[in-house]
Amino acid sequence: MAEKEFRKGDHVSWASHSGRAYGVVKEKLVDRTHVRGHAVNASPEEPQYRIRNDHSGRDVAHRPEALRDEPT
């Protein structure tokens, strides 16, 4: 089954060490890159998403299977 596709501006949540975290999708990553000093092994076959955390304002990257749509 294909993973959910997210678009720029979608509000999402994910599990974090302190419970659920929330943020807004900034872009779909399809190339290897770095986000806040961490390597992100994204590819066209296994994309990841750059998300701006609502609470901290910092960018994070997650695979689509870790994300859940949230109503705005």
PDB file of N, CA and C in Angstrom:
ATOM      1  N   MET A   1       0.837  -1.183   0.000  1.00  0.00           N
ATOM      2  CA  MET A   1       0.000   0.000   0.000  1.00  0.00           C
ATOM      3  C   MET A   1       0.877   1.240   0.000  1.00  0.00           C
ATOM      4  N   ALA A   2       0.563   2.199  -0.832  1.00  0.00           N
ATOM      5  CA  ALA A   2       1.342   3.430  -0.927  1.00  0.00           C
ATOM      6  C   ALA A   2       1.134   4.281   0.321  1.00  0.00           C
ATOM      7  N   GLU A   3       2.194   4.965   0.725  1.00  0.00           N
ATOM      8  CA  GLU A   3       2.097   5.849   1.875  1.00  0.00           C
ATOM      9  C   GLU A   3       1.312   7.107   1.502  1.00  0.00           C
ATOM     10  N   LYS A   4       0.788   7.762   2.498  1.00  0.00           N
ATOM     11  CA  LYS A   4       0.041   8.996   2.314  1.00  0.00           C
ATOM     12  C   LYS A   4       0.953  10.069   1.735  1.00  0.00           C
ATOM     13  N   GLU A   5       0.428  10.828   0.794  1.00  0.00           N
ATOM     14  CA  GLU A   5       1.150  11.979   0.236  1.00  0.00           C
ATOM     15  C   GLU A   5       0.746  13.223   1.008  1.00  0.00           C
ATOM     16  N   PHE A   6       1.702  14.024   1.368  1.00  0.00           N
ATOM     17  CA  PHE A   6       1.431  15.288   2.042  1.00  0.00           C
ATOM     18  C   PHE A   6       1.864  16.420   1.128  1.00  0.00           C
ATOM     19  N   ARG A   7       1.257  17.586   1.310  1.00  0.00           N
ATOM     20  CA  ARG A   7       1.593  18.765   0.499  1.00  0.00           C
ATOM     21  C   ARG A   7       2.036  19.900   1.396  1.00  0.00           C
ATOM     22  N   LYS A   8       2.747  20.819   0.793  1.00  0.00           N
ATOM     23  CA  LYS A   8       3.183  22.015   1.504  1.00  0.00           C
ATOM     24  C   LYS A   8       1.967  22.680   2.137  1.00  0.00           C
ATOM     25  N   GLY A   9       2.077  22.989   3.422  1.00  0.00           N
ATOM     26  CA  GLY A   9       0.982  23.631   4.140  1.00  0.00           C
ATOM     27  C   GLY A   9       0.102  22.687   4.935  1.00  0.00           C
ATOM     28  N   ASP A  10       0.223  21.363   4.699  1.00  0.00           N
ATOM     29  CA  ASP A  10      -0.563  20.398   5.468  1.00  0.00           C
ATOM     30  C   ASP A  10      -0.142  20.428   6.932  1.00  0.00           C
ATOM     31  N   HIS A  11      -1.118  20.372   7.846  1.00  0.00           N
ATOM     32  CA  HIS A  11      -0.830  20.307   9.277  1.00  0.00           C
ATOM     33  C   HIS A  11      -0.789  18.840   9.669  1.00  0.00           C
ATOM     34  N   VAL A  12       0.319  18.401  10.282  1.00  0.00           N
ATOM     35  CA  VAL A  12       0.536  16.996  10.610  1.00  0.00           C
ATOM     36  C   VAL A  12       0.990  16.847  12.057  1.00  0.00           C
ATOM     37  N   SER A  13       0.961  15.600  12.536  1.00  0.00           N
ATOM     38  CA  SER A  13       1.513  15.298  13.859  1.00  0.00           C
ATOM     39  C   SER A  13       2.346  14.031  13.757  1.00  0.00           C
ATOM     40  N   TRP A  14       3.178  13.806  14.774  1.00  0.00           N
ATOM     41  CA  TRP A  14       4.024  12.619  14.833  1.00  0.00           C
ATOM     42  C   TRP A  14       4.344  12.336  16.304  1.00  0.00           C
ATOM     43  N   ALA A  15       4.707  11.098  16.587  1.00  0.00           N
ATOM     44  CA  ALA A  15       5.073  10.711  17.948  1.00  0.00           C
ATOM     45  C   ALA A  15       6.451  11.270  18.267  1.00  0.00           C
ATOM     46  N   SER A  16       6.565  11.886  19.433  1.00  0.00           N
ATOM     47  CA  SER A  16       7.870  12.384  19.883  1.00  0.00           C
ATOM     48  C   SER A  16       8.115  11.863  21.292  1.00  0.00           C
ATOM     49  N   HIS A  17       9.293  12.117  21.807  1.00  0.00           N
ATOM     50  CA  HIS A  17       9.634  11.613  23.138  1.00  0.00           C
ATOM     51  C   HIS A  17       8.748  12.211  24.228  1.00  0.00           C
ATOM     52  N   SER A  18       8.117  13.360  23.956  1.00  0.00           N
ATOM     53  CA  SER A  18       7.276  14.009  24.960  1.00  0.00           C
ATOM     54  C   SER A  18       5.790  13.921  24.638  1.00  0.00           C
ATOM     55  N   GLY A  19       5.412  12.996  23.771  1.00  0.00           N
ATOM     56  CA  GLY A  19       4.000  12.851  23.400  1.00  0.00           C
ATOM     57  C   GLY A  19       3.829  13.090  21.912  1.00  0.00           C
ATOM     58  N   ARG A  20       2.778  13.790  21.501  1.00  0.00           N
ATOM     59  CA  ARG A  20       2.564  14.111  20.087  1.00  0.00           C
ATOM     60  C   ARG A  20       3.120  15.493  19.810  1.00  0.00           C
ATOM     61  N   ALA A  21       3.769  15.610  18.675  1.00  0.00           N
ATOM     62  CA  ALA A  21       4.276  16.903  18.209  1.00  0.00           C
ATOM     63  C   ALA A  21       3.483  17.276  16.959  1.00  0.00           C
ATOM     64  N   TYR A  22       3.384  18.572  16.703  1.00  0.00           N
ATOM     65  CA  TYR A  22       2.578  19.083  15.590  1.00  0.00           C
ATOM     66  C   TYR A  22       3.391  20.066  14.780  1.00  0.00           C
ATOM     67  N   GLY A  23       3.100  20.124  13.490  1.00  0.00           N
ATOM     68  CA  GLY A  23       3.806  21.066  12.636  1.00  0.00           C
ATOM     69  C   GLY A  23       3.172  21.156  11.265  1.00  0.00           C
ATOM     70  N   VAL A  24       3.805  21.963  10.412  1.00  0.00           N
ATOM     71  CA  VAL A  24       3.321  22.231   9.059  1.00  0.00           C
ATOM     72  C   VAL A  24       4.368  21.761   8.062  1.00  0.00           C
ATOM     73  N   VAL A  25       3.923  21.013   7.047  1.00  0.00           N
ATOM     74  CA  VAL A  25       4.821  20.524   6.006  1.00  0.00           C
ATOM     75  C   VAL A  25       5.358  21.711   5.215  1.00  0.00           C
ATOM     76  N   LYS A  26       6.677  21.787   5.078  1.00  0.00           N
ATOM     77  CA  LYS A  26       7.334  22.846   4.316  1.00  0.00           C
ATOM     78  C   LYS A  26       7.724  22.383   2.923  1.00  0.00           C
ATOM     79  N   GLU A  27       8.175  21.114   2.805  1.00  0.00           N
ATOM     80  CA  GLU A  27       8.547  20.589   1.493  1.00  0.00           C
ATOM     81  C   GLU A  27       8.714  19.081   1.550  1.00  0.00           C
ATOM     82  N   LYS A  28       8.594  18.476   0.373  1.00  0.00           N
ATOM     83  CA  LYS A  28       8.851  17.049   0.208  1.00  0.00           C
ATOM     84  C   LYS A  28      10.317  16.899  -0.183  1.00  0.00           C
ATOM     85  N   LEU A  29      11.039  16.044   0.526  1.00  0.00           N
ATOM     86  CA  LEU A  29      12.459  15.824   0.263  1.00  0.00           C
ATOM     87  C   LEU A  29      12.625  14.546  -0.558  1.00  0.00           C
ATOM     88  N   VAL A  30      13.321  14.642  -1.677  1.00  0.00           N
ATOM     89  CA  VAL A  30      13.539  13.472  -2.535  1.00  0.00           C
ATOM     90  C   VAL A  30      15.022  13.251  -2.833  1.00  0.00           C
ATOM     91  N   ASP A  31      15.880  14.021  -2.177  1.00  0.00           N
ATOM     92  CA  ASP A  31      17.331  13.870  -2.318  1.00  0.00           C
ATOM     93  C   ASP A  31      17.959  13.817  -0.944  1.00  0.00           C
ATOM     94  N   ARG A  32      19.113  13.173  -0.853  1.00  0.00           N
ATOM     95  CA  ARG A  32      19.854  13.147   0.404  1.00  0.00           C
ATOM     96  C   ARG A  32      20.215  14.584   0.781  1.00  0.00           C
ATOM     97  N   THR A  33      19.957  14.948   2.030  1.00  0.00           N
ATOM     98  CA  THR A  33      20.223  16.303   2.495  1.00  0.00           C
ATOM     99  C   THR A  33      20.465  16.281   3.997  1.00  0.00           C
ATOM    100  N   HIS A  34      20.584  17.439   4.598  1.00  0.00           N
ATOM    101  CA  HIS A  34      20.730  17.577   6.047  1.00  0.00           C
ATOM    102  C   HIS A  34      19.656  18.533   6.562  1.00  0.00           C
ATOM    103  N   VAL A  35      19.082  18.192   7.701  1.00  0.00           N
ATOM    104  CA  VAL A  35      18.134  19.069   8.384  1.00  0.00           C
ATOM    105  C   VAL A  35      18.631  19.219   9.805  1.00  0.00           C
ATOM    106  N   ARG A  36      18.964  20.439  10.172  1.00  0.00           N
ATOM    107  CA  ARG A  36      19.513  20.755  11.497  1.00  0.00           C
ATOM    108  C   ARG A  36      20.705  19.868  11.847  1.00  0.00           C
ATOM    109  N   GLY A  37      21.576  19.624  10.858  1.00  0.00           N
ATOM    110  CA  GLY A  37      22.790  18.857  11.091  1.00  0.00           C
ATOM    111  C   GLY A  37      22.631  17.348  11.039  1.00  0.00           C
ATOM    112  N   HIS A  38      21.412  16.870  10.816  1.00  0.00           N
ATOM    113  CA  HIS A  38      21.163  15.430  10.741  1.00  0.00           C
ATOM    114  C   HIS A  38      20.994  15.010   9.286  1.00  0.00           C
ATOM    115  N   ALA A  39      21.644  13.908   8.908  1.00  0.00           N
ATOM    116  CA  ALA A  39      21.524  13.393   7.546  1.00  0.00           C
ATOM    117  C   ALA A  39      20.113  12.862   7.333  1.00  0.00           C
ATOM    118  N   VAL A  40      19.552  13.190   6.170  1.00  0.00           N
ATOM    119  CA  VAL A  40      18.226  12.707   5.782  1.00  0.00           C
ATOM    120  C   VAL A  40      18.417  11.925   4.489  1.00  0.00           C
ATOM    121  N   ASN A  41      18.199  10.623   4.554  1.00  0.00           N
ATOM    122  CA  ASN A  41      18.412   9.750   3.402  1.00  0.00           C
ATOM    123  C   ASN A  41      17.142   9.640   2.560  1.00  0.00           C
ATOM    124  N   ALA A  42      16.683  10.749   2.049  1.00  0.00           N
ATOM    125  CA  ALA A  42      15.479  10.767   1.217  1.00  0.00           C
ATOM    126  C   ALA A  42      15.847  10.424  -0.226  1.00  0.00           C
ATOM    127  N   SER A  43      14.874   9.870  -0.940  1.00  0.00           N
ATOM    128  CA  SER A  43      15.040   9.565  -2.362  1.00  0.00           C
ATOM    129  C   SER A  43      13.655   9.638  -3.005  1.00  0.00           C
ATOM    130  N   PRO A  44      13.584   9.650  -4.344  1.00  0.00           N
ATOM    131  CA  PRO A  44      12.261   9.653  -4.984  1.00  0.00           C
ATOM    132  C   PRO A  44      11.418   8.432  -4.593  1.00  0.00           C
ATOM    133  N   GLU A  45      12.066   7.287  -4.360  1.00  0.00           N
ATOM    134  CA  GLU A  45      11.347   6.077  -3.974  1.00  0.00           C
ATOM    135  C   GLU A  45      10.962   6.086  -2.495  1.00  0.00           C
ATOM    136  N   GLU A  46      11.740   6.773  -1.669  1.00  0.00           N
ATOM    137  CA  GLU A  46      11.487   6.856  -0.229  1.00  0.00           C
ATOM    138  C   GLU A  46      11.609   8.306   0.231  1.00  0.00           C
ATOM    139  N   PRO A  47      10.605   9.120  -0.106  1.00  0.00           N
ATOM    140  CA  PRO A  47      10.669  10.543   0.250  1.00  0.00           C
ATOM    141  C   PRO A  47      10.500  10.757   1.749  1.00  0.00           C
ATOM    142  N   GLN A  48      10.928  11.912   2.192  1.00  0.00           N
ATOM    143  CA  GLN A  48      10.674  12.370   3.549  1.00  0.00           C
ATOM    144  C   GLN A  48      10.133  13.787   3.444  1.00  0.00           C
ATOM    145  N   TYR A  49       9.682  14.321   4.574  1.00  0.00           N
ATOM    146  CA  TYR A  49       9.088  15.650   4.579  1.00  0.00           C
ATOM    147  C   TYR A  49       9.783  16.533   5.593  1.00  0.00           C
ATOM    148  N   ARG A  50      10.080  17.788   5.174  1.00  0.00           N
ATOM    149  CA  ARG A  50      10.612  18.803   6.080  1.00  0.00           C
ATOM    150  C   ARG A  50       9.400  19.479   6.716  1.00  0.00           C
ATOM    151  N   ILE A  51       9.364  19.503   8.043  1.00  0.00           N
ATOM    152  CA  ILE A  51       8.224  20.014   8.783  1.00  0.00           C
ATOM    153  C   ILE A  51       8.708  21.066   9.770  1.00  0.00           C
ATOM    154  N   ARG A  52       7.983  22.173   9.870  1.00  0.00           N
ATOM    155  CA  ARG A  52       8.283  23.214  10.868  1.00  0.00           C
ATOM    156  C   ARG A  52       7.457  22.912  12.108  1.00  0.00           C
ATOM    157  N   ASN A  53       8.129  22.593  13.216  1.00  0.00           N
ATOM    158  CA  ASN A  53       7.478  22.255  14.477  1.00  0.00           C
ATOM    159  C   ASN A  53       6.728  23.474  15.009  1.00  0.00           C
ATOM    160  N   ASP A  54       5.431  23.297  15.326  1.00  0.00           N
ATOM    161  CA  ASP A  54       4.605  24.398  15.835  1.00  0.00           C
ATOM    162  C   ASP A  54       5.136  24.961  17.147  1.00  0.00           C
ATOM    163  N   HIS A  55       5.628  24.098  18.007  1.00  0.00           N
ATOM    164  CA  HIS A  55       6.049  24.530  19.344  1.00  0.00           C
ATOM    165  C   HIS A  55       7.431  25.197  19.338  1.00  0.00           C
ATOM    166  N   SER A  56       8.400  24.553  18.717  1.00  0.00           N
ATOM    167  CA  SER A  56       9.783  25.045  18.777  1.00  0.00           C
ATOM    168  C   SER A  56      10.150  25.957  17.613  1.00  0.00           C
ATOM    169  N   GLY A  57       9.414  25.849  16.493  1.00  0.00           N
ATOM    170  CA  GLY A  57       9.759  26.630  15.304  1.00  0.00           C
ATOM    171  C   GLY A  57      10.930  26.048  14.527  1.00  0.00           C
ATOM    172  N   ARG A  58      11.429  24.896  14.957  1.00  0.00           N
ATOM    173  CA  ARG A  58      12.558  24.253  14.283  1.00  0.00           C
ATOM    174  C   ARG A  58      12.069  23.297  13.207  1.00  0.00           C
ATOM    175  N   ASP A  59      12.911  23.074  12.211  1.00  0.00           N
ATOM    176  CA  ASP A  59      12.589  22.127  11.153  1.00  0.00           C
ATOM    177  C   ASP A  59      13.017  20.723  11.560  1.00  0.00           C
ATOM    178  N   VAL A  60      12.191  19.753  11.187  1.00  0.00           N
ATOM    179  CA  VAL A  60      12.485  18.333  11.394  1.00  0.00           C
ATOM    180  C   VAL A  60      12.171  17.608  10.092  1.00  0.00           C
ATOM    181  N   ALA A  61      12.648  16.391   9.952  1.00  0.00           N
ATOM    182  CA  ALA A  61      12.331  15.574   8.775  1.00  0.00           C
ATOM    183  C   ALA A  61      11.768  14.245   9.249  1.00  0.00           C
ATOM    184  N   HIS A  62      10.704  13.788   8.568  1.00  0.00           N
ATOM    185  CA  HIS A  62      10.092  12.511   8.911  1.00  0.00           C
ATOM    186  C   HIS A  62       9.648  11.782   7.661  1.00  0.00           C
ATOM    187  N   ARG A  63       9.625  10.465   7.762  1.00  0.00           N
ATOM    188  CA  ARG A  63       9.069   9.623   6.699  1.00  0.00           C
ATOM    189  C   ARG A  63       7.549   9.735   6.755  1.00  0.00           C
ATOM    190  N   PRO A  64       6.881   9.519   5.627  1.00  0.00           N
ATOM    191  CA  PRO A  64       5.417   9.667   5.611  1.00  0.00           C
ATOM    192  C   PRO A  64       4.691   8.710   6.554  1.00  0.00           C
ATOM    193  N   GLU A  65       5.242   7.521   6.775  1.00  0.00           N
ATOM    194  CA  GLU A  65       4.563   6.574   7.658  1.00  0.00           C
ATOM    195  C   GLU A  65       4.553   7.024   9.118  1.00  0.00           C
ATOM    196  N   ALA A  66       5.423   7.973   9.489  1.00  0.00           N
ATOM    197  CA  ALA A  66       5.456   8.485  10.847  1.00  0.00           C
ATOM    198  C   ALA A  66       4.490   9.645  11.059  1.00  0.00           C
ATOM    199  N   LEU A  67       3.904  10.149   9.977  1.00  0.00           N
ATOM    200  CA  LEU A  67       3.068  11.339  10.050  1.00  0.00           C
ATOM    201  C   LEU A  67       1.586  11.000  10.017  1.00  0.00           C
ATOM    202  N   ARG A  68       0.804  11.881  10.634  1.00  0.00           N
ATOM    203  CA  ARG A  68      -0.645  11.733  10.644  1.00  0.00           C
ATOM    204  C   ARG A  68      -1.257  13.100  10.330  1.00  0.00           C
ATOM    205  N   ASP A  69      -2.264  13.103   9.456  1.00  0.00           N
ATOM    206  CA  ASP A  69      -2.984  14.341   9.135  1.00  0.00           C
ATOM    207  C   ASP A  69      -3.650  14.882  10.389  1.00  0.00           C
ATOM    208  N   GLU A  70      -3.625  16.186  10.546  1.00  0.00           N
ATOM    209  CA  GLU A  70      -4.321  16.834  11.660  1.00  0.00           C
ATOM    210  C   GLU A  70      -5.207  17.920  11.099  1.00  0.00           C
ATOM    211  N   PRO A  71      -6.422  18.055  11.615  1.00  0.00           N
ATOM    212  CA  PRO A  71      -7.282  19.151  11.160  1.00  0.00           C
ATOM    213  C   PRO A  71      -6.689  20.494  11.575  1.00  0.00           C
ATOM    214  N   THR A  72      -6.895  21.491  10.763  1.00  0.00           N
ATOM    215  CA  THR A  72      -6.340  22.819  11.088  1.00  0.00           C
ATOM    216  C   THR A  72      -7.280  23.639  11.918  1.00  0.00           C
TER     217      THR A  72
END
